[in-house]
C-alpha atoms as a PDB file:
ATOM      1  CA  MET A   1       1.173  19.835  16.858  1.00  0.00           C
ATOM      2  CA  ASN A   2      -0.417  17.258  14.127  1.00  0.00           C
ATOM      3  CA  ALA A   3      -4.563  17.460  13.901  1.00  0.00           C
ATOM      4  CA  PRO A   4      -5.988  13.240  13.203  1.00  0.00           C
ATOM      5  CA  THR A   5      -7.147  13.478   8.551  1.00  0.00           C
ATOM      6  CA  THR A   6      -7.141   9.926   9.064  1.00  0.00           C
ATOM      7  CA  ASP A   7      -8.201   9.410   5.920  1.00  0.00           C
ATOM      8  CA  THR A   8      -9.078   5.864   4.737  1.00  0.00           C
ATOM      9  CA  SER A   9      -8.597   6.339   0.708  1.00  0.00           C
ATOM     10  CA  HIS A  10      -5.308   7.641   1.590  1.00  0.00           C
ATOM     11  CA  THR A  11      -2.110   4.981  -0.483  1.00  0.00           C
ATOM     12  CA  TYR A  12      -0.287   4.046   2.020  1.00  0.00           C
ATOM     13  CA  ARG A  13       3.638   3.910  -0.042  1.00  0.00           C
ATOM     14  CA  ARG A  14       5.832   4.222   3.532  1.00  0.00           C
ATOM     15  CA  ALA A  15       5.271   2.198   6.634  1.00  0.00           C
ATOM     16  CA  THR A  16       7.629   2.303   9.962  1.00  0.00           C
ATOM     17  CA  VAL A  17       8.103  -0.228  11.940  1.00  0.00           C
ATOM     18  CA  ILE A  18       8.664   0.287  15.366  1.00  0.00           C
ATOM     19  CA  GLY A  19      10.667  -3.362  16.738  1.00  0.00           C
ATOM     20  CA  GLY A  20      12.861  -5.301  14.692  1.00  0.00           C
ATOM     21  CA  GLY A  21      11.955  -7.633  17.250  1.00  0.00           C
ATOM     22  CA  VAL A  22      10.453 -11.073  15.354  1.00  0.00           C
ATOM     23  CA  ILE A  23       6.965  -9.278  15.115  1.00  0.00           C
ATOM     24  CA  GLY A  24       8.875  -6.563  13.915  1.00  0.00           C
ATOM     25  CA  ILE A  25      10.911  -8.760  11.077  1.00  0.00           C
ATOM     26  CA  SER A  26       7.470  -9.985   9.781  1.00  0.00           C
ATOM     27  CA  TRP A  27       5.093  -7.220   9.335  1.00  0.00           C
ATOM     28  CA  THR A  28       8.784  -5.867   7.872  1.00  0.00           C
ATOM     29  CA  GLY A  29       8.411  -8.779   5.284  1.00  0.00           C
ATOM     30  CA  LEU A  30       4.733  -9.019   4.302  1.00  0.00           C
ATOM     31  CA  PHE A  31       5.045  -4.773   3.685  1.00  0.00           C
ATOM     32  CA  LEU A  32       7.718  -5.141   1.208  1.00  0.00           C
ATOM     33  CA  ALA A  33       6.749  -7.315  -0.774  1.00  0.00           C
ATOM     34  CA  HIS A  34       3.875  -5.324  -0.623  1.00  0.00           C
ATOM     35  CA  GLY A  35       5.547  -2.793  -2.440  1.00  0.00           C
ATOM     36  CA  LEU A  36       5.947  -0.292   0.885  1.00  0.00           C
ATOM     37  CA  ASP A  37       9.047   1.779   1.866  1.00  0.00           C
ATOM     38  CA  VAL A  38       9.903   0.359   4.919  1.00  0.00           C
ATOM     39  CA  THR A  39      11.405   1.794   8.689  1.00  0.00           C
ATOM     40  CA  VAL A  40      12.511  -0.300  11.235  1.00  0.00           C
ATOM     41  CA  ASN A  41      13.230   1.349  14.265  1.00  0.00           C
ATOM     42  CA  ASP A  42      15.419   0.147  16.721  1.00  0.00           C
ATOM     43  CA  PRO A  43      18.022   1.571  18.485  1.00  0.00           C
ATOM     44  CA  ARG A  44      19.591  -1.905  18.731  1.00  0.00           C
ATOM     45  CA  PRO A  45      23.625  -1.784  17.142  1.00  0.00           C
ATOM     46  CA  ASP A  46      22.445  -4.873  15.851  1.00  0.00           C
ATOM     47  CA  VAL A  47      19.636  -4.622  15.086  1.00  0.00           C
ATOM     48  CA  ARG A  48      20.148  -4.601  10.497  1.00  0.00           C
ATOM     49  CA  ASP A  49      21.810  -7.629  10.417  1.00  0.00           C
ATOM     50  CA  GLU A  50      19.197  -9.334  12.503  1.00  0.00           C
ATOM     51  CA  VAL A  51      16.536  -7.352  10.477  1.00  0.00           C
ATOM     52  CA  LEU A  52      18.155  -9.312   7.836  1.00  0.00           C
ATOM     53  CA  ALA A  53      18.504 -12.173   8.700  1.00  0.00           C
ATOM     54  CA  GLY A  54      15.364 -12.742   9.850  1.00  0.00           C
ATOM     55  CA  LEU A  55      14.018 -11.346   6.133  1.00  0.00           C
ATOM     56  CA  ALA A  56      15.894 -14.147   4.452  1.00  0.00           C
ATOM     57  CA  GLU A  57      13.669 -16.617   7.385  1.00  0.00           C
ATOM     58  CA  ILE A  58      10.590 -15.748   5.578  1.00  0.00           C
ATOM     59  CA  THR A  59      11.628 -15.062   1.844  1.00  0.00           C
ATOM     60  CA  PRO A  60      10.657 -18.319   0.806  1.00  0.00           C
ATOM     61  CA  ALA A  61       7.064 -18.457   2.753  1.00  0.00           C
ATOM     62  CA  LEU A  62       6.677 -14.747   1.296  1.00  0.00           C
ATOM     63  CA  ALA A  63       7.260 -16.702  -2.242  1.00  0.00           C
ATOM     64  CA  GLN A  64       4.695 -19.398  -1.472  1.00  0.00           C
ATOM     65  CA  ILE A  65       1.448 -17.554  -0.314  1.00  0.00           C
ATOM     66  CA  GLY A  66       2.268 -15.832  -4.337  1.00  0.00           C
ATOM     67  CA  LEU A  67       3.814 -12.779  -2.840  1.00  0.00           C
ATOM     68  CA  PRO A  68       7.071 -10.812  -5.252  1.00  0.00           C
ATOM     69  CA  THR A  69      10.438 -11.752  -3.043  1.00  0.00           C
ATOM     70  CA  GLY A  70      13.048 -10.453  -5.383  1.00  0.00           C
ATOM     71  CA  ASP A  71      14.885  -7.547  -4.419  1.00  0.00           C
ATOM     72  CA  LEU A  72      12.983  -7.878  -0.684  1.00  0.00           C
ATOM     73  CA  ALA A  73      15.372  -5.621   0.700  1.00  0.00           C
ATOM     74  CA  ALA A  74      15.801  -3.156  -1.277  1.00  0.00           C
ATOM     75  CA  ARG A  75      12.803  -0.591   0.073  1.00  0.00           C
ATOM     76  CA  LEU A  76      14.479  -1.164   3.471  1.00  0.00           C
ATOM     77  CA  HIS A  77      15.810   1.697   5.553  1.00  0.00           C
ATOM     78  CA  PHE A  78      17.401   1.933   9.688  1.00  0.00           C
ATOM     79  CA  GLU A  79      16.553   4.865  11.270  1.00  0.00           C
ATOM     80  CA  ALA A  80      17.619   4.633  15.346  1.00  0.00           C
ATOM     81  CA  ASP A  81      16.227   8.336  15.894  1.00  0.00           C
ATOM     82  CA  LEU A  82      11.870   7.486  15.907  1.00  0.00           C
ATOM     83  CA  ALA A  83      10.734  10.929  15.943  1.00  0.00           C
ATOM     84  CA  THR A  84      13.087  10.809  12.719  1.00  0.00           C
ATOM     85  CA  ALA A  85      11.650   7.464  11.170  1.00  0.00           C
ATOM     86  CA  VAL A  86       8.204   8.519  11.622  1.00  0.00           C
ATOM     87  CA  ALA A  87       8.532  11.748   9.705  1.00  0.00           C
ATOM     88  CA  ASP A  88       7.096  10.928   6.693  1.00  0.00           C
ATOM     89  CA  ALA A  89       5.300   7.898   7.730  1.00  0.00           C
ATOM     90  CA  ASP A  90       1.947   6.800   5.871  1.00  0.00           C
ATOM     91  CA  VAL A  91       1.625   3.659   8.607  1.00  0.00           C
ATOM     92  CA  VAL A  92       3.223   2.475  11.915  1.00  0.00           C
ATOM     93  CA  GLN A  93       3.472  -0.335  13.346  1.00  0.00           C
ATOM     94  CA  GLU A  94       4.648  -0.558  16.535  1.00  0.00           C
ATOM     95  CA  ASN A  95       6.638  -3.317  18.641  1.00  0.00           C
ATOM     96  CA  GLY A  96       7.691  -2.320  20.767  1.00  0.00           C
ATOM     97  CA  PRO A  97       7.732  -4.027  24.394  1.00  0.00           C
ATOM     98  CA  GLU A  98       5.404  -5.196  26.643  1.00  0.00           C
ATOM     99  CA  ARG A  99       5.474  -2.901  28.903  1.00  0.00           C
ATOM    100  CA  LEU A 100       3.156  -0.100  29.056  1.00  0.00           C
ATOM    101  CA  ALA A 101       4.990   2.729  30.359  1.00  0.00           C
ATOM    102  CA  VAL A 102       6.938   1.424  27.324  1.00  0.00           C
ATOM    103  CA  LYS A 103       4.592   1.611  24.863  1.00  0.00           C
ATOM    104  CA  GLN A 104       3.326   5.140  26.461  1.00  0.00           C
ATOM    105  CA  GLU A 105       6.647   6.467  25.909  1.00  0.00           C
ATOM    106  CA  ILE A 106       6.629   5.491  22.121  1.00  0.00           C
ATOM    107  CA  TRP A 107       3.190   7.519  21.123  1.00  0.00           C
ATOM    108  CA  GLN A 108       4.247  10.079  22.574  1.00  0.00           C
ATOM    109  CA  VAL A 109       6.841  10.801  20.651  1.00  0.00           C
ATOM    110  CA  VAL A 110       5.043   9.082  17.357  1.00  0.00           C
ATOM    111  CA  GLU A 111       2.134  11.767  17.649  1.00  0.00           C
ATOM    112  CA  ARG A 112       4.241  14.856  17.922  1.00  0.00           C
ATOM    113  CA  ALA A 113       6.013  13.391  15.330  1.00  0.00           C
ATOM    114  CA  ALA A 114       4.468  11.156  12.187  1.00  0.00           C
ATOM    115  CA  PRO A 115       2.312  13.481   9.411  1.00  0.00           C
ATOM    116  CA  ALA A 116      -1.547  14.136  10.533  1.00  0.00           C
ATOM    117  CA  HIS A 117      -2.561  11.192   7.396  1.00  0.00           C
ATOM    118  CA  ALA A 118      -0.605   8.262   9.196  1.00  0.00           C
ATOM    119  CA  LEU A 119      -2.761   4.932  10.486  1.00  0.00           C
ATOM    120  CA  LEU A 120      -1.130   4.251  14.247  1.00  0.00           C
ATOM    121  CA  ALA A 121      -1.463   1.123  14.854  1.00  0.00           C
ATOM    122  CA  THR A 122       0.456  -0.805  17.596  1.00  0.00           C
ATOM    123  CA  SER A 123       0.725  -4.601  17.683  1.00  0.00           C
ATOM    124  CA  THR A 124       0.189  -5.682  20.945  1.00  0.00           C
ATOM    125  CA  SER A 125      -1.102  -8.733  22.460  1.00  0.00           C
ATOM    126  CA  GLY A 126      -2.893  -7.565  25.571  1.00  0.00           C
ATOM    127  CA  ILE A 127      -2.641  -4.379  26.444  1.00  0.00           C
ATOM    128  CA  PRO A 128      -5.230  -2.288  26.363  1.00  0.00           C
ATOM    129  CA  ALA A 129      -4.912   0.858  23.474  1.00  0.00           C
ATOM    130  CA  SER A 130      -6.803   2.881  26.188  1.00  0.00           C
ATOM    131  CA  ALA A 131      -4.673   2.370  28.554  1.00  0.00           C
ATOM    132  CA  ILE A 132      -2.054   3.493  25.797  1.00  0.00           C
ATOM    133  CA  ALA A 133      -3.814   6.321  24.926  1.00  0.00           C
ATOM    134  CA  GLN A 134      -3.748   7.298  27.579  1.00  0.00           C
ATOM    135  CA  ALA A 135      -0.266  10.057  27.054  1.00  0.00           C
ATOM    136  CA  MET A 136      -1.371  10.715  23.776  1.00  0.00           C
ATOM    137  CA  THR A 137      -3.312  14.470  23.386  1.00  0.00           C
ATOM    138  CA  GLN A 138      -4.932  12.575  20.021  1.00  0.00           C
ATOM    139  CA  PRO A 139      -6.111   9.155  21.490  1.00  0.00           C
ATOM    140  CA  GLU A 140      -8.604   9.140  18.430  1.00  0.00           C
ATOM    141  CA  ARG A 141      -5.895   7.981  16.570  1.00  0.00           C
ATOM    142  CA  LEU A 142      -4.462   5.311  18.160  1.00  0.00           C
ATOM    143  CA  VAL A 143      -5.550   1.639  17.400  1.00  0.00           C
ATOM    144  CA  VAL A 144      -4.198  -1.963  18.343  1.00  0.00           C
ATOM    145  CA  GLY A 145      -3.792  -3.532  15.377  1.00  0.00           C
ATOM    146  CA  HIS A 146      -2.531  -7.479  16.953  1.00  0.00           C
ATOM    147  CA  PRO A 147      -1.669  -9.873  14.747  1.00  0.00           C
ATOM    148  CA  PHE A 148      -1.331 -13.588  15.302  1.00  0.00           C
ATOM    149  CA  ASN A 149       2.197 -14.766  14.836  1.00  0.00           C
ATOM    150  CA  PRO A 150       3.302 -14.702  12.886  1.00  0.00           C
ATOM    151  CA  PRO A 151       1.957 -11.865  11.150  1.00  0.00           C
ATOM    152  CA  HIS A 152       2.828 -12.323   7.632  1.00  0.00           C
ATOM    153  CA  LEU A 153       1.801 -15.704   6.958  1.00  0.00           C
ATOM    154  CA  VAL A 154      -1.315 -15.789   9.279  1.00  0.00           C
ATOM    155  CA  PRO A 155      -3.836 -14.058   7.999  1.00  0.00           C
ATOM    156  CA  LEU A 156      -6.057 -12.274  11.625  1.00  0.00           C
ATOM    157  CA  VAL A 157      -5.352  -9.304  12.565  1.00  0.00           C
ATOM    158  CA  GLU A 158      -7.319  -7.725  15.852  1.00  0.00           C
ATOM    159  CA  ILE A 159      -8.505  -4.165  14.962  1.00  0.00           C
ATOM    160  CA  VAL A 160      -8.708  -3.550  19.092  1.00  0.00           C
ATOM    161  CA  PRO A 161     -10.639   0.405  19.319  1.00  0.00           C
ATOM    162  CA  GLY A 162     -10.100   2.046  22.320  1.00  0.00           C
ATOM    163  CA  GLU A 163     -12.130   4.062  24.633  1.00  0.00           C
ATOM    164  CA  LYS A 164     -12.293   7.173  22.374  1.00  0.00           C
ATOM    165  CA  THR A 165     -10.817   5.342  18.764  1.00  0.00           C
ATOM    166  CA  ALA A 166     -12.727   7.201  16.277  1.00  0.00           C
ATOM    167  CA  PRO A 167     -14.514   4.898  13.689  1.00  0.00           C
ATOM    168  CA  GLN A 168     -12.246   6.390  10.825  1.00  0.00           C
ATOM    169  CA  THR A 169      -9.378   5.147  12.341  1.00  0.00           C
ATOM    170  CA  LEU A 170     -10.778   1.354  12.453  1.00  0.00           C
ATOM    171  CA  ARG A 171     -11.817   2.382   8.542  1.00  0.00           C
ATOM    172  CA  ALA A 172      -8.330   3.227   7.778  1.00  0.00           C
ATOM    173  CA  ALA A 173      -7.069  -0.067  10.184  1.00  0.00           C
ATOM    174  CA  ARG A 174      -8.996  -2.313   7.843  1.00  0.00           C
ATOM    175  CA  ASP A 175      -8.180  -0.743   5.031  1.00  0.00           C
ATOM    176  CA  PHE A 176      -4.879  -0.758   5.344  1.00  0.00           C
ATOM    177  CA  TYR A 177      -4.712  -4.929   6.517  1.00  0.00           C
ATOM    178  CA  ALA A 178      -7.036  -5.920   4.136  1.00  0.00           C
ATOM    179  CA  ALA A 179      -4.227  -4.495   1.233  1.00  0.00           C
ATOM    180  CA  MET A 180      -1.682  -6.112   2.726  1.00  0.00           C
ATOM    181  CA  GLY A 181      -3.289  -9.474   2.214  1.00  0.00           C
ATOM    182  CA  LYS A 182      -4.772  -9.641   5.516  1.00  0.00           C
ATOM    183  CA  ARG A 183      -8.268 -11.047   7.105  1.00  0.00           C
ATOM    184  CA  PRO A 184      -8.700  -7.831   9.784  1.00  0.00           C
ATOM    185  CA  GLN A 185     -11.350  -7.942  12.384  1.00  0.00           C
ATOM    186  CA  ILE A 186     -12.767  -5.136  14.599  1.00  0.00           C
ATOM    187  CA  LEU A 187     -13.769  -5.638  17.663  1.00  0.00           C
ATOM    188  CA  ARG A 188     -16.808  -4.365  19.454  1.00  0.00           C
ATOM    189  CA  LYS A 189     -14.915  -3.545  22.204  1.00  0.00           C
ATOM    190  CA  GLU A 190     -12.146  -3.377  24.359  1.00  0.00           C
ATOM    191  CA  ILE A 191     -11.509  -5.816  26.359  1.00  0.00           C
ATOM    192  CA  PRO A 192      -7.773  -7.334  27.987  1.00  0.00           C
ATOM    193  CA  GLY A 193      -5.803 -10.329  25.678  1.00  0.00           C
ATOM    194  CA  PHE A 194      -8.647  -9.410  23.026  1.00  0.00           C
ATOM    195  CA  VAL A 195      -9.920 -12.789  21.230  1.00  0.00           C
ATOM    196  CA  ALA A 196      -7.673 -14.443  20.085  1.00  0.00           C
ATOM    197  CA  ASN A 197      -5.167 -14.665  23.024  1.00  0.00           C
ATOM    198  CA  ARG A 198      -7.380 -15.432  25.318  1.00  0.00           C
ATOM    199  CA  LEU A 199      -9.494 -18.614  23.654  1.00  0.00           C
ATOM    200  CA  GLN A 200      -6.045 -19.728  22.571  1.00  0.00           C
ATOM    201  CA  SER A 201      -4.541 -18.745  26.898  1.00  0.00           C
ATOM    202  CA  ALA A 202      -8.193 -20.765  27.806  1.00  0.00           C
ATOM    203  CA  LEU A 203      -7.100 -23.995  25.891  1.00  0.00           C
ATOM    204  CA  PHE A 204      -3.821 -23.942  27.116  1.00  0.00           C
ATOM    205  CA  ARG A 205      -4.344 -23.631  30.825  1.00  0.00           C
ATOM    206  CA  GLU A 206      -6.611 -26.822  29.771  1.00  0.00           C
ATOM    207  CA  CYS A 207      -3.910 -28.441  28.294  1.00  0.00           C
ATOM    208  CA  VAL A 208      -1.099 -27.039  31.184  1.00  0.00           C
ATOM    209  CA  HIS A 209      -3.348 -28.974  33.755  1.00  0.00           C
ATOM    210  CA  LEU A 210      -3.939 -32.343  31.592  1.00  0.00           C
ATOM    211  CA  VAL A 211       0.615 -32.672  31.202  1.00  0.00           C
ATOM    212  CA  ALA A 212       0.955 -31.668  34.666  1.00  0.00           C
ATOM    213  CA  GLU A 213      -1.799 -34.651  35.845  1.00  0.00           C
ATOM    214  CA  GLY A 214       0.425 -36.915  33.936  1.00  0.00           C
ATOM    215  CA  VAL A 215      -3.164 -37.428  31.988  1.00  0.00           C
ATOM    216  CA  VAL A 216      -1.229 -36.903  28.190  1.00  0.00           C
ATOM    217  CA  SER A 217       1.989 -36.123  27.589  1.00  0.00           C
ATOM    218  CA  GLU A 218       2.440 -33.044  26.071  1.00  0.00           C
ATOM    219  CA  ALA A 219       3.500 -34.821  22.644  1.00  0.00           C
ATOM    220  CA  GLU A 220       0.617 -36.483  22.591  1.00  0.00           C
ATOM    221  CA  LEU A 221      -1.475 -33.409  23.540  1.00  0.00           C
ATOM    222  CA  ASP A 222      -0.237 -31.952  20.258  1.00  0.00           C
ATOM    223  CA  GLU A 223      -1.436 -34.923  18.121  1.00  0.00           C
ATOM    224  CA  ILE A 224      -5.218 -35.182  20.098  1.00  0.00           C
ATOM    225  CA  VAL A 225      -5.502 -31.111  19.138  1.00  0.00           C
ATOM    226  CA  THR A 226      -3.964 -31.803  15.421  1.00  0.00           C
ATOM    227  CA  ASP A 227      -5.814 -34.446  15.200  1.00  0.00           C
ATOM    228  CA  SER A 228      -9.112 -33.644  15.945  1.00  0.00           C
ATOM    229  CA  ILE A 229     -10.491 -29.731  16.693  1.00  0.00           C
ATOM    230  CA  GLY A 230      -7.554 -28.237  15.250  1.00  0.00           C
ATOM    231  CA  LEU A 231      -8.547 -29.689  12.062  1.00  0.00           C
ATOM    232  CA  ARG A 232     -12.486 -29.449  12.643  1.00  0.00           C
ATOM    233  CA  TRP A 233     -11.745 -25.322  13.724  1.00  0.00           C
ATOM    234  CA  ALA A 234      -9.830 -24.658  10.790  1.00  0.00           C
ATOM    235  CA  VAL A 235     -12.539 -25.730   8.711  1.00  0.00           C
ATOM    236  CA  ALA A 236     -15.254 -24.631  11.133  1.00  0.00           C
ATOM    237  CA  GLY A 237     -15.260 -22.416  13.964  1.00  0.00           C
ATOM    238  CA  PRO A 238     -16.858 -23.604  17.794  1.00  0.00           C
ATOM    239  CA  PHE A 239     -19.913 -22.043  17.116  1.00  0.00           C
ATOM    240  CA  ARG A 240     -20.385 -23.288  13.399  1.00  0.00           C
ATOM    241  CA  THR A 241     -18.966 -26.546  14.240  1.00  0.00           C
ATOM    242  CA  PHE A 242     -21.549 -26.560  17.599  1.00  0.00           C
ATOM    243  CA  HIS A 243     -24.385 -25.549  15.276  1.00  0.00           C
ATOM    244  CA  LEU A 244     -23.720 -28.028  12.814  1.00  0.00           C
ATOM    245  CA  GLY A 245     -23.610 -30.702  16.023  1.00  0.00           C
ATOM    246  CA  GLY A 246     -27.464 -30.482  16.308  1.00  0.00           C
ATOM    247  CA  GLY A 247     -28.047 -32.009  13.487  1.00  0.00           C
ATOM    248  CA  PRO A 248     -31.732 -30.223  11.857  1.00  0.00           C
ATOM    249  CA  GLY A 249     -31.983 -28.142  14.882  1.00  0.00           C
ATOM    250  CA  GLY A 250     -29.222 -26.014  14.833  1.00  0.00           C
ATOM    251  CA  LEU A 251     -27.019 -24.662  17.973  1.00  0.00           C
ATOM    252  CA  PRO A 252     -30.517 -24.286  19.645  1.00  0.00           C
ATOM    253  CA  HIS A 253     -30.527 -28.241  19.895  1.00  0.00           C
ATOM    254  CA  PHE A 254     -27.534 -28.975  20.904  1.00  0.00           C
ATOM    255  CA  VAL A 255     -26.995 -26.826  23.458  1.00  0.00           C
ATOM    256  CA  ARG A 256     -30.323 -27.784  24.815  1.00  0.00           C
ATOM    257  CA  HIS A 257     -29.149 -31.319  24.498  1.00  0.00           C
ATOM    258  CA  LEU A 258     -25.421 -31.563  24.625  1.00  0.00           C
ATOM    259  CA  GLY A 259     -25.274 -28.337  26.716  1.00  0.00           C
ATOM    260  CA  PRO A 260     -26.310 -29.305  30.225  1.00  0.00           C
ATOM    261  CA  ALA A 261     -23.483 -31.730  29.659  1.00  0.00           C
ATOM    262  CA  MET A 262     -21.258 -29.823  28.961  1.00  0.00           C
ATOM    263  CA  GLU A 263     -21.706 -27.237  31.281  1.00  0.00           C
ATOM    264  CA  ALA A 264     -21.627 -30.004  34.417  1.00  0.00           C
ATOM    265  CA  SER A 265     -17.739 -30.106  33.213  1.00  0.00           C
ATOM    266  CA  TRP A 266     -16.746 -26.622  33.297  1.00  0.00           C
ATOM    267  CA  PRO A 267     -15.943 -27.147  36.815  1.00  0.00           C
ATOM    268  CA  ALA A 268     -14.078 -29.768  37.201  1.00  0.00           C
ATOM    269  CA  LEU A 269     -11.611 -28.157  33.963  1.00  0.00           C
ATOM    270  CA  GLY A 270      -8.144 -27.575  35.579  1.00  0.00           C
ATOM    271  CA  THR A 271      -6.747 -23.977  37.356  1.00  0.00           C
ATOM    272  CA  PRO A 272      -2.896 -25.225  36.692  1.00  0.00           C
ATOM    273  CA  ALA A 273      -0.059 -23.185  37.387  1.00  0.00           C
ATOM    274  CA  PHE A 274       3.706 -22.778  36.183  1.00  0.00           C
ATOM    275  CA  ASP A 275       5.377 -23.375  40.003  1.00  0.00           C
ATOM    276  CA  GLU A 276       8.555 -25.186  40.389  1.00  0.00           C
ATOM    277  CA  PRO A 277       7.271 -28.547  39.338  1.00  0.00           C
ATOM    278  CA  THR A 278       4.781 -27.982  36.381  1.00  0.00           C
ATOM    279  CA  VAL A 279       7.462 -25.603  34.503  1.00  0.00           C
ATOM    280  CA  ALA A 280      10.230 -28.782  35.341  1.00  0.00           C
ATOM    281  CA  VAL A 281       7.562 -31.096  33.875  1.00  0.00           C
ATOM    282  CA  LEU A 282       6.658 -29.046  30.296  1.00  0.00           C
ATOM    283  CA  THR A 283      10.674 -28.010  30.556  1.00  0.00           C
ATOM    284  CA  GLU A 284      11.051 -31.568  30.566  1.00  0.00           C
ATOM    285  CA  GLN A 285       8.602 -33.230  28.069  1.00  0.00           C
ATOM    286  CA  ALA A 286       9.334 -30.099  25.406  1.00  0.00           C
ATOM    287  CA  ALA A 287      12.939 -31.834  25.265  1.00  0.00           C
ATOM    288  CA  ASP A 288      12.074 -34.695  24.587  1.00  0.00           C
ATOM    289  CA  ALA A 289       9.570 -33.929  22.203  1.00  0.00           C
ATOM    290  CA  PHE A 290      11.345 -30.497  20.118  1.00  0.00           C
ATOM    291  CA  GLY A 291      14.469 -30.527  21.157  1.00  0.00           C
ATOM    292  CA  ALA A 292      16.554 -33.344  19.011  1.00  0.00           C
ATOM    293  CA  GLU A 293      15.075 -30.504  16.035  1.00  0.00           C
ATOM    294  CA  PRO A 294      16.259 -25.891  16.208  1.00  0.00           C
ATOM    295  CA  VAL A 295      14.050 -24.361  16.789  1.00  0.00           C
ATOM    296  CA  GLY A 296      14.619 -23.064  13.180  1.00  0.00           C
ATOM    297  CA  ALA A 297      13.705 -26.098  11.000  1.00  0.00           C
ATOM    298  CA  LEU A 298      10.376 -26.700  12.595  1.00  0.00           C
ATOM    299  CA  ALA A 299       9.099 -23.254  12.019  1.00  0.00           C
ATOM    300  CA  ALA A 300       9.711 -23.802   8.621  1.00  0.00           C
ATOM    301  CA  ARG A 301       8.111 -27.114   8.507  1.00  0.00           C
ATOM    302  CA  ARG A 302       4.927 -25.439  10.661  1.00  0.00           C
ATOM    303  CA  ASP A 303       4.942 -22.943   7.758  1.00  0.00           C
ATOM    304  CA  ARG A 304       5.271 -24.724   5.128  1.00  0.00           C
ATOM    305  CA  ALA A 305       2.248 -26.967   6.800  1.00  0.00           C
ATOM    306  CA  GLN A 306       0.571 -24.034   7.402  1.00  0.00           C
ATOM    307  CA  ILE A 307       0.201 -23.090   4.188  1.00  0.00           C
ATOM    308  CA  ALA A 308      -0.908 -26.238   2.807  1.00  0.00           C
ATOM    309  CA  LEU A 309      -3.686 -25.637   5.053  1.00  0.00           C
ATOM    310  CA  MET A 310      -4.799 -22.292   4.569  1.00  0.00           C
ATOM    311  CA  ARG A 311      -3.981 -22.820   0.401  1.00  0.00           C
ATOM    312  CA  ALA A 312      -6.116 -25.800   0.258  1.00  0.00           C
ATOM    313  CA  LEU A 313      -8.979 -23.483   2.476  1.00  0.00           C
ATOM    314  CA  GLY A 314      -8.254 -20.889  -0.170  1.00  0.00           C
ATOM    315  CA  ARG A 315      -6.901 -18.134   2.445  1.00  0.00           C
ATOM    316  CA  THR A 316      -3.629 -16.644   1.008  1.00  0.00           C
ATOM    317  CA  PRO A 317      -2.934 -13.573  -0.721  1.00  0.00           C
ATOM    318  CA  ASP A 318      -3.415 -15.313  -4.455  1.00  0.00           C
ATOM    319  CA  GLN A 319      -5.470 -17.178  -4.527  1.00  0.00           C
ATOM    320  CA  ALA A 320      -9.275 -16.368  -6.684  1.00  0.00           C
ATOM    321  CA  GLY A 321     -12.454 -15.006  -4.615  1.00  0.00           C
ATOM    322  CA  ASP A 322      -9.657 -13.829  -1.482  1.00  0.00           C
ATOM    323  CA  PRO A 323     -11.398 -10.310  -0.796  1.00  0.00           C
ATOM    324  CA  ALA A 324      -7.957  -9.201  -0.257  1.00  0.00           C
ATOM    325  CA  ALA A 325      -6.572 -10.068  -2.831  1.00  0.00           C
ATOM    326  CA  GLY A 326      -7.389  -7.561  -4.527  1.00  0.00           C
ATOM    327  CA  SER A 327      -6.543  -4.663  -2.741  1.00  0.00           C
ATOM    328  CA  THR A 328      -2.649  -4.794  -2.695  1.00  0.00           C
ATOM    329  CA  ALA A 329      -2.948  -2.057  -5.909  1.00  0.00           C
ATOM    330  CA  ALA A 330      -3.561  -0.174  -4.216  1.00  0.00           C
ATOM    331  CA  ALA A 331      -0.264  -0.156  -1.744  1.00  0.00           C
ATOM    332  CA  ARG A 332       1.497  -0.504  -4.299  1.00  0.00           C
ATOM    333  CA  ALA A 333       0.651   2.406  -6.299  1.00  0.00           C
END
């Protein structure tokens, strides 16, 4: 059994990405662009072709945010056997199915086979680390490193501890993701769904309600968001926004004077369900609004716009003042 010796000063040279799906491909491209040797573990026979095709798709976005992309796949390896794949890994980023039993089985193998110094992180979008680590003998080694899709582009990584995650594991995760050009946030406590997904789920619930009730169409609602709170929150989050909305008195003034009316509206917010009629409405409107353009083309256009916005806000790794920009050399050393 490998004793946990996670060292925040350790140089990360080799990463193992478990799962060659959309999230795994995105992490793989990011890690390769930062100079790591990457091994993809996925038992599917067609995973090599899928990963290489996915890397080709995201390479332009990696280049646009200032990362080197020449011969990106030169340090890419594939290994179907999980224990072999993690045997010499400095970091393991797991992106397996969102099923607790599957993740527990994966991590039982990983902790036995990975080096004692390896950073062990799961990309789970909602399963608590405490639940996954119940099957581990060293739960202090496991941490949630939850990206916002796509991981190679969107800066946020939520670092979420389990009940037994060691403080040094959190620090190691923070330093590693910062070295990858990300903007990691360590959550203060474990909560299902974490923070970003809970926020978008709450907003999306009301979006579904408004569309299902015929107040607006999907296309109209998207325009409302991107022309208002989407722009506003990209510059200042909800609390800073309402602090500014309170004028010289700041957030306390806002809460005193506008808070009661806002609170009174909360019970009237929708509680929709994905029943057949609602899904039918959403599906029909999605086809009308987005169906004429292939998903790949839509994603490429989204990425270009996302990069332009990030660049305007100084959020790309190649821009001066980015706290992660000076850390990439440690990963390449």
